[in-house]
Amino acid sequence: MDITEVRRRVRAVIDQAKRGAAARRERTDAASREYEAFLQERAIPTFHSFAAALVAEGARFKVFTPAGAVRLAAEGGGEDYIEIVLDSTLDPPRPMGHSSRARGRRTIVTERSIRAGTPTADLTAEDVLDFLVEEVTPFVER
């Protein structure tokens, strides 16, 4: 094989990879902006309302807002929580729901999309509430 052809193909692959990385950075930046708006306008207020309703029913939960996430945690259960974070390993990045429940020495962790196939900008407070209602069941059935 001719070395000129090999070098041409290597350069083409490098150029394509650089263009792909730049496009991915742009998508990630746009997704981060959309996610921050979603978090502040819909997710955090819904988590607070949900926690207040749980407390009114006798279930002790608190809302925490670490950087870039919102978490509903059971009081007294450090490993018991439900949260929403932006998964930037996906392309395009999107909000993912995580829950963690401690059962003795075991910790059960689940991860799923808030509403599969829905762009971040189109996620609603109702979508967040649906996610919370589905995920809280193991925490309140004890």
N, C-alpha and C. Protein backbone atom coordinates (compact mmCIF):
# COMPACT_ATOMS: atom_id res chain seq x y z
N MET A 1 0.85 -1.18 0.00
CA MET A 1 0.00 0.00 0.00
C MET A 1 0.89 1.24 0.00
N ASP A 2 0.45 2.24 -0.71
CA ASP A 2 1.20 3.48 -0.86
C ASP A 2 1.11 4.31 0.42
N ILE A 3 2.24 4.79 0.93
CA ILE A 3 2.29 5.57 2.16
C ILE A 3 1.50 6.87 2.03
N THR A 4 1.45 7.42 0.83
CA THR A 4 0.69 8.65 0.59
C THR A 4 -0.80 8.43 0.87
N GLU A 5 -1.31 7.30 0.41
CA GLU A 5 -2.73 6.96 0.64
C GLU A 5 -2.99 6.74 2.13
N VAL A 6 -2.09 6.07 2.82
CA VAL A 6 -2.24 5.83 4.25
C VAL A 6 -2.29 7.16 5.00
N ARG A 7 -1.36 8.06 4.70
CA ARG A 7 -1.32 9.36 5.39
C ARG A 7 -2.58 10.18 5.08
N ARG A 8 -3.05 10.14 3.84
CA ARG A 8 -4.27 10.87 3.47
C ARG A 8 -5.45 10.38 4.30
N ARG A 9 -5.56 9.07 4.44
CA ARG A 9 -6.68 8.51 5.21
C ARG A 9 -6.55 8.82 6.70
N VAL A 10 -5.32 8.80 7.22
CA VAL A 10 -5.11 9.14 8.62
C VAL A 10 -5.49 10.59 8.86
N ARG A 11 -5.06 11.49 7.97
CA ARG A 11 -5.43 12.91 8.12
C ARG A 11 -6.93 13.09 8.06
N ALA A 12 -7.60 12.37 7.19
CA ALA A 12 -9.06 12.47 7.06
C ALA A 12 -9.75 12.03 8.35
N VAL A 13 -9.25 10.95 8.94
CA VAL A 13 -9.84 10.47 10.20
C VAL A 13 -9.62 11.48 11.31
N ILE A 14 -8.43 12.05 11.40
CA ILE A 14 -8.14 13.05 12.43
C ILE A 14 -9.03 14.28 12.26
N ASP A 15 -9.16 14.76 11.03
CA ASP A 15 -10.01 15.93 10.76
C ASP A 15 -11.46 15.64 11.11
N GLN A 16 -11.94 14.47 10.74
CA GLN A 16 -13.32 14.09 11.06
C GLN A 16 -13.53 14.01 12.57
N ALA A 17 -12.57 13.46 13.29
CA ALA A 17 -12.68 13.35 14.75
C ALA A 17 -12.70 14.74 15.39
N LYS A 18 -11.88 15.65 14.90
CA LYS A 18 -11.87 17.02 15.44
C LYS A 18 -13.20 17.72 15.19
N ARG A 19 -13.75 17.57 13.99
CA ARG A 19 -15.06 18.19 13.69
C ARG A 19 -16.15 17.57 14.56
N GLY A 20 -16.10 16.25 14.73
CA GLY A 20 -17.08 15.58 15.58
C GLY A 20 -17.00 16.03 17.03
N ALA A 21 -15.79 16.20 17.54
CA ALA A 21 -15.60 16.64 18.93
C ALA A 21 -16.11 18.06 19.11
N ALA A 22 -15.87 18.93 18.14
CA ALA A 22 -16.35 20.31 18.23
C ALA A 22 -17.88 20.35 18.22
N ALA A 23 -18.48 19.54 17.35
CA ALA A 23 -19.95 19.49 17.29
C ALA A 23 -20.52 18.93 18.60
N ARG A 24 -19.87 17.93 19.16
CA ARG A 24 -20.35 17.37 20.44
C ARG A 24 -20.24 18.39 21.56
N ARG A 25 -19.15 19.17 21.59
CA ARG A 25 -19.02 20.22 22.61
C ARG A 25 -20.15 21.23 22.49
N GLU A 26 -20.51 21.60 21.26
CA GLU A 26 -21.62 22.54 21.05
C GLU A 26 -22.93 21.94 21.55
N ARG A 27 -23.19 20.66 21.25
CA ARG A 27 -24.41 20.01 21.72
C ARG A 27 -24.43 19.92 23.24
N THR A 28 -23.27 19.64 23.83
CA THR A 28 -23.17 19.54 25.29
C THR A 28 -23.42 20.89 25.94
N ASP A 29 -22.86 21.95 25.37
CA ASP A 29 -23.09 23.30 25.91
C ASP A 29 -24.56 23.68 25.83
N ALA A 30 -25.19 23.40 24.69
CA ALA A 30 -26.62 23.71 24.54
C ALA A 30 -27.45 22.89 25.52
N ALA A 31 -27.12 21.61 25.67
CA ALA A 31 -27.85 20.75 26.61
C ALA A 31 -27.67 21.23 28.04
N SER A 32 -26.49 21.71 28.39
CA SER A 32 -26.25 22.22 29.75
C SER A 32 -27.11 23.45 30.03
N ARG A 33 -27.23 24.32 29.05
CA ARG A 33 -28.09 25.52 29.23
C ARG A 33 -29.55 25.11 29.38
N GLU A 34 -30.02 24.19 28.53
CA GLU A 34 -31.40 23.73 28.63
C GLU A 34 -31.65 23.03 29.97
N TYR A 35 -30.69 22.23 30.39
CA TYR A 35 -30.83 21.49 31.65
C TYR A 35 -30.90 22.45 32.84
N GLU A 36 -30.07 23.48 32.84
CA GLU A 36 -30.08 24.44 33.95
C GLU A 36 -31.44 25.13 34.05
N ALA A 37 -32.01 25.51 32.90
CA ALA A 37 -33.35 26.12 32.90
C ALA A 37 -34.38 25.11 33.40
N PHE A 38 -34.31 23.87 32.93
CA PHE A 38 -35.22 22.81 33.38
C PHE A 38 -35.12 22.62 34.89
N LEU A 39 -33.90 22.57 35.39
CA LEU A 39 -33.66 22.36 36.81
C LEU A 39 -34.28 23.48 37.64
N GLN A 40 -33.97 24.72 37.30
CA GLN A 40 -34.42 25.87 38.08
C GLN A 40 -35.93 26.12 37.96
N GLU A 41 -36.49 25.94 36.77
CA GLU A 41 -37.89 26.30 36.53
C GLU A 41 -38.88 25.18 36.80
N ARG A 42 -38.46 23.92 36.63
CA ARG A 42 -39.42 22.83 36.76
C ARG A 42 -39.02 21.77 37.78
N ALA A 43 -37.80 21.29 37.74
CA ALA A 43 -37.42 20.17 38.60
C ALA A 43 -37.34 20.56 40.08
N ILE A 44 -36.58 21.59 40.41
CA ILE A 44 -36.41 21.96 41.82
C ILE A 44 -37.74 22.34 42.47
N PRO A 45 -38.57 23.18 41.84
CA PRO A 45 -39.86 23.48 42.47
C PRO A 45 -40.74 22.24 42.67
N THR A 46 -40.70 21.32 41.71
CA THR A 46 -41.50 20.10 41.83
C THR A 46 -40.97 19.22 42.97
N PHE A 47 -39.67 19.10 43.09
CA PHE A 47 -39.08 18.34 44.19
C PHE A 47 -39.50 18.93 45.54
N HIS A 48 -39.47 20.26 45.67
CA HIS A 48 -39.86 20.91 46.93
C HIS A 48 -41.33 20.64 47.25
N SER A 49 -42.19 20.75 46.26
CA SER A 49 -43.62 20.48 46.47
C SER A 49 -43.85 19.02 46.86
N PHE A 50 -43.15 18.12 46.20
CA PHE A 50 -43.28 16.70 46.49
C PHE A 50 -42.81 16.38 47.90
N ALA A 51 -41.68 16.98 48.30
CA ALA A 51 -41.16 16.77 49.66
C ALA A 51 -42.15 17.29 50.70
N ALA A 52 -42.74 18.44 50.44
CA ALA A 52 -43.72 19.00 51.37
C ALA A 52 -44.93 18.07 51.51
N ALA A 53 -45.37 17.49 50.40
CA ALA A 53 -46.50 16.56 50.46
C ALA A 53 -46.12 15.30 51.23
N LEU A 54 -44.91 14.80 51.04
CA LEU A 54 -44.45 13.62 51.78
C LEU A 54 -44.39 13.91 53.28
N VAL A 55 -43.85 15.06 53.65
CA VAL A 55 -43.75 15.43 55.06
C VAL A 55 -45.15 15.54 55.66
N ALA A 56 -46.09 16.10 54.92
CA ALA A 56 -47.47 16.22 55.40
C ALA A 56 -48.09 14.85 55.65
N GLU A 57 -47.61 13.84 54.93
CA GLU A 57 -48.11 12.48 55.12
C GLU A 57 -47.29 11.68 56.11
N GLY A 58 -46.32 12.33 56.75
CA GLY A 58 -45.54 11.67 57.79
C GLY A 58 -44.24 11.02 57.32
N ALA A 59 -43.90 11.18 56.07
CA ALA A 59 -42.65 10.63 55.54
C ALA A 59 -41.62 11.76 55.53
N ARG A 60 -40.52 11.58 56.21
CA ARG A 60 -39.53 12.64 56.40
C ARG A 60 -38.50 12.64 55.26
N PHE A 61 -38.62 13.62 54.40
CA PHE A 61 -37.70 13.80 53.28
C PHE A 61 -37.27 15.26 53.20
N LYS A 62 -36.08 15.47 52.68
CA LYS A 62 -35.56 16.82 52.46
C LYS A 62 -35.04 16.93 51.03
N VAL A 63 -35.05 18.16 50.52
CA VAL A 63 -34.54 18.43 49.18
C VAL A 63 -33.18 19.11 49.30
N PHE A 64 -32.24 18.62 48.50
CA PHE A 64 -30.91 19.21 48.42
C PHE A 64 -30.65 19.58 46.97
N THR A 65 -29.89 20.64 46.77
CA THR A 65 -29.58 21.07 45.41
C THR A 65 -28.07 21.22 45.23
N PRO A 66 -27.37 20.09 45.19
CA PRO A 66 -25.93 20.19 44.90
C PRO A 66 -25.76 20.72 43.47
N ALA A 67 -24.59 21.19 43.16
CA ALA A 67 -24.33 21.78 41.84
C ALA A 67 -24.79 20.85 40.72
N GLY A 68 -25.69 21.36 39.89
CA GLY A 68 -26.11 20.62 38.71
C GLY A 68 -27.06 19.46 38.96
N ALA A 69 -27.69 19.42 40.12
CA ALA A 69 -28.60 18.31 40.44
C ALA A 69 -29.65 18.76 41.43
N VAL A 70 -30.66 17.92 41.60
CA VAL A 70 -31.64 18.09 42.66
C VAL A 70 -31.86 16.72 43.27
N ARG A 71 -31.89 16.66 44.60
CA ARG A 71 -31.96 15.38 45.30
C ARG A 71 -33.02 15.42 46.39
N LEU A 72 -33.84 14.39 46.43
CA LEU A 72 -34.81 14.17 47.50
C LEU A 72 -34.25 13.04 48.35
N ALA A 73 -33.90 13.35 49.60
CA ALA A 73 -33.25 12.35 50.45
C ALA A 73 -34.10 12.09 51.69
N ALA A 74 -34.15 10.82 52.07
CA ALA A 74 -34.86 10.44 53.29
C ALA A 74 -34.04 10.88 54.48
N GLU A 75 -34.70 11.50 55.45
CA GLU A 75 -34.00 11.90 56.67
C GLU A 75 -33.54 10.65 57.40
N GLY A 76 -32.28 10.67 57.80
CA GLY A 76 -31.73 9.54 58.54
C GLY A 76 -31.25 8.39 57.67
N GLY A 77 -31.44 8.49 56.37
CA GLY A 77 -30.98 7.42 55.47
C GLY A 77 -30.02 7.99 54.45
N GLY A 78 -28.75 8.01 54.77
CA GLY A 78 -27.76 8.62 53.90
C GLY A 78 -27.68 8.03 52.51
N GLU A 79 -28.05 6.78 52.35
CA GLU A 79 -27.99 6.13 51.04
C GLU A 79 -29.36 6.09 50.35
N ASP A 80 -30.38 6.66 50.98
CA ASP A 80 -31.73 6.63 50.42
C ASP A 80 -32.05 7.98 49.78
N TYR A 81 -32.07 8.01 48.45
CA TYR A 81 -32.37 9.28 47.77
C TYR A 81 -32.86 9.02 46.36
N ILE A 82 -33.48 10.07 45.82
CA ILE A 82 -33.91 10.12 44.43
C ILE A 82 -33.35 11.44 43.89
N GLU A 83 -32.72 11.41 42.72
CA GLU A 83 -32.15 12.64 42.19
C GLU A 83 -32.25 12.70 40.68
N ILE A 84 -32.08 13.91 40.17
CA ILE A 84 -32.00 14.14 38.73
C ILE A 84 -30.67 14.84 38.47
N VAL A 85 -29.92 14.30 37.52
CA VAL A 85 -28.64 14.88 37.10
C VAL A 85 -28.57 14.86 35.58
N LEU A 86 -27.69 15.69 35.03
CA LEU A 86 -27.46 15.69 33.59
C LEU A 86 -26.40 14.66 33.27
N ASP A 87 -26.73 13.70 32.43
CA ASP A 87 -25.77 12.68 32.01
C ASP A 87 -25.09 13.16 30.75
N SER A 88 -23.89 13.69 30.92
CA SER A 88 -23.16 14.25 29.78
C SER A 88 -22.38 13.19 29.00
N THR A 89 -22.47 11.93 29.43
CA THR A 89 -21.82 10.87 28.65
C THR A 89 -22.69 10.45 27.47
N LEU A 90 -23.96 10.84 27.49
CA LEU A 90 -24.86 10.53 26.38
C LEU A 90 -24.72 11.59 25.30
N ASP A 91 -25.08 11.26 24.09
CA ASP A 91 -25.04 12.23 23.01
C ASP A 91 -26.38 12.22 22.30
N PRO A 92 -27.21 13.21 22.47
CA PRO A 92 -26.97 14.42 23.25
C PRO A 92 -27.17 14.16 24.75
N PRO A 93 -26.52 14.98 25.58
CA PRO A 93 -26.70 14.83 27.03
C PRO A 93 -28.16 15.06 27.40
N ARG A 94 -28.62 14.34 28.44
CA ARG A 94 -30.02 14.51 28.87
C ARG A 94 -30.14 14.20 30.36
N PRO A 95 -31.21 14.73 30.96
CA PRO A 95 -31.42 14.48 32.38
C PRO A 95 -31.73 13.01 32.64
N MET A 96 -31.13 12.49 33.68
CA MET A 96 -31.37 11.11 34.08
C MET A 96 -31.78 11.09 35.54
N GLY A 97 -32.67 10.19 35.86
CA GLY A 97 -33.08 10.01 37.24
C GLY A 97 -32.31 8.87 37.87
N HIS A 98 -31.84 9.09 39.09
CA HIS A 98 -31.12 8.08 39.86
C HIS A 98 -31.87 7.89 41.16
N SER A 99 -31.91 6.66 41.62
CA SER A 99 -32.40 6.42 42.98
C SER A 99 -31.48 5.40 43.64
N SER A 100 -31.34 5.55 44.93
CA SER A 100 -30.47 4.66 45.70
C SER A 100 -31.20 4.32 47.00
N ARG A 101 -31.25 3.02 47.29
CA ARG A 101 -31.91 2.55 48.51
C ARG A 101 -30.98 1.56 49.21
N ALA A 102 -30.76 1.81 50.49
CA ALA A 102 -29.94 0.89 51.27
C ALA A 102 -30.84 -0.17 51.88
N ARG A 103 -30.44 -1.41 51.73
CA ARG A 103 -31.14 -2.55 52.33
C ARG A 103 -30.11 -3.38 53.06
N GLY A 104 -29.96 -3.11 54.35
CA GLY A 104 -28.92 -3.78 55.11
C GLY A 104 -27.56 -3.37 54.58
N ARG A 105 -26.76 -4.33 54.21
CA ARG A 105 -25.43 -4.03 53.65
C ARG A 105 -25.48 -3.73 52.16
N ARG A 106 -26.59 -4.02 51.54
CA ARG A 106 -26.74 -3.86 50.10
C ARG A 106 -27.29 -2.48 49.74
N THR A 107 -26.85 -1.93 48.65
CA THR A 107 -27.41 -0.69 48.13
C THR A 107 -27.94 -0.97 46.73
N ILE A 108 -29.20 -0.63 46.53
CA ILE A 108 -29.85 -0.84 45.23
C ILE A 108 -29.88 0.51 44.52
N VAL A 109 -29.26 0.57 43.36
CA VAL A 109 -29.19 1.81 42.59
C VAL A 109 -29.88 1.59 41.26
N THR A 110 -30.74 2.51 40.88
CA THR A 110 -31.40 2.45 39.57
C THR A 110 -31.15 3.77 38.85
N GLU A 111 -31.19 3.69 37.53
CA GLU A 111 -30.99 4.87 36.71
C GLU A 111 -31.92 4.75 35.51
N ARG A 112 -32.59 5.86 35.19
CA ARG A 112 -33.45 5.84 34.02
C ARG A 112 -33.70 7.26 33.52
N SER A 113 -34.14 7.35 32.31
CA SER A 113 -34.47 8.64 31.71
C SER A 113 -35.73 9.19 32.37
N ILE A 114 -35.82 10.49 32.49
CA ILE A 114 -37.02 11.11 33.07
C ILE A 114 -38.22 10.82 32.19
N ARG A 115 -38.10 11.07 30.91
CA ARG A 115 -39.13 10.72 29.93
C ARG A 115 -38.40 10.43 28.63
N ALA A 116 -38.26 9.17 28.35
CA ALA A 116 -37.44 8.72 27.21
C ALA A 116 -37.87 9.41 25.91
N GLY A 117 -36.86 9.83 25.16
CA GLY A 117 -37.11 10.40 23.84
C GLY A 117 -37.55 11.86 23.85
N THR A 118 -37.66 12.46 25.03
CA THR A 118 -38.12 13.85 25.12
C THR A 118 -36.92 14.77 25.31
N PRO A 119 -36.78 15.78 24.45
CA PRO A 119 -35.68 16.74 24.65
C PRO A 119 -35.83 17.45 26.00
N THR A 120 -34.72 17.85 26.56
CA THR A 120 -34.71 18.51 27.87
C THR A 120 -35.62 19.72 27.91
N ALA A 121 -35.61 20.52 26.87
CA ALA A 121 -36.42 21.74 26.83
C ALA A 121 -37.91 21.42 26.89
N ASP A 122 -38.30 20.22 26.48
CA ASP A 122 -39.72 19.85 26.45
C ASP A 122 -40.19 19.12 27.71
N LEU A 123 -39.28 18.82 28.64
CA LEU A 123 -39.67 18.15 29.88
C LEU A 123 -40.47 19.13 30.73
N THR A 124 -41.54 18.63 31.34
CA THR A 124 -42.43 19.47 32.14
C THR A 124 -42.34 19.09 33.62
N ALA A 125 -42.96 19.93 34.43
CA ALA A 125 -43.06 19.62 35.86
C ALA A 125 -43.86 18.33 36.06
N GLU A 126 -44.82 18.08 35.20
CA GLU A 126 -45.61 16.85 35.27
C GLU A 126 -44.74 15.62 35.02
N ASP A 127 -43.79 15.73 34.10
CA ASP A 127 -42.84 14.63 33.85
C ASP A 127 -42.01 14.36 35.10
N VAL A 128 -41.57 15.42 35.76
CA VAL A 128 -40.78 15.27 36.99
C VAL A 128 -41.64 14.62 38.08
N LEU A 129 -42.88 15.07 38.20
CA LEU A 129 -43.78 14.49 39.20
C LEU A 129 -44.04 13.01 38.92
N ASP A 130 -44.26 12.66 37.66
CA ASP A 130 -44.45 11.24 37.30
C ASP A 130 -43.24 10.41 37.70
N PHE A 131 -42.04 10.93 37.42
CA PHE A 131 -40.81 10.25 37.80
C PHE A 131 -40.75 10.05 39.31
N LEU A 132 -41.03 11.10 40.08
CA LEU A 132 -40.97 11.02 41.54
C LEU A 132 -41.98 10.02 42.10
N VAL A 133 -43.19 10.04 41.57
CA VAL A 133 -44.24 9.13 42.05
C VAL A 133 -43.82 7.68 41.81
N GLU A 134 -43.25 7.40 40.65
CA GLU A 134 -42.81 6.03 40.36
C GLU A 134 -41.64 5.61 41.25
N GLU A 135 -40.72 6.52 41.49
CA GLU A 135 -39.51 6.16 42.23
C GLU A 135 -39.67 6.14 43.74
N VAL A 136 -40.65 6.85 44.28
CA VAL A 136 -40.76 6.95 45.74
C VAL A 136 -41.42 5.71 46.37
N THR A 137 -42.10 4.92 45.62
CA THR A 137 -42.82 3.77 46.17
C THR A 137 -41.98 2.89 47.10
N PRO A 138 -40.78 2.47 46.73
CA PRO A 138 -40.00 1.63 47.65
C PRO A 138 -39.62 2.34 48.95
N PHE A 139 -39.56 3.65 48.92
CA PHE A 139 -39.18 4.41 50.11
C PHE A 139 -40.32 4.52 51.12
N VAL A 140 -41.54 4.53 50.64
CA VAL A 140 -42.69 4.76 51.52
C VAL A 140 -43.47 3.48 51.83
N GLU A 141 -43.12 2.36 51.22
CA GLU A 141 -43.87 1.13 51.47
C GLU A 141 -43.41 0.38 52.69
N ARG A 142 -42.31 0.79 53.28
CA ARG A 142 -41.77 0.08 54.47
C ARG A 142 -42.70 0.16 55.63
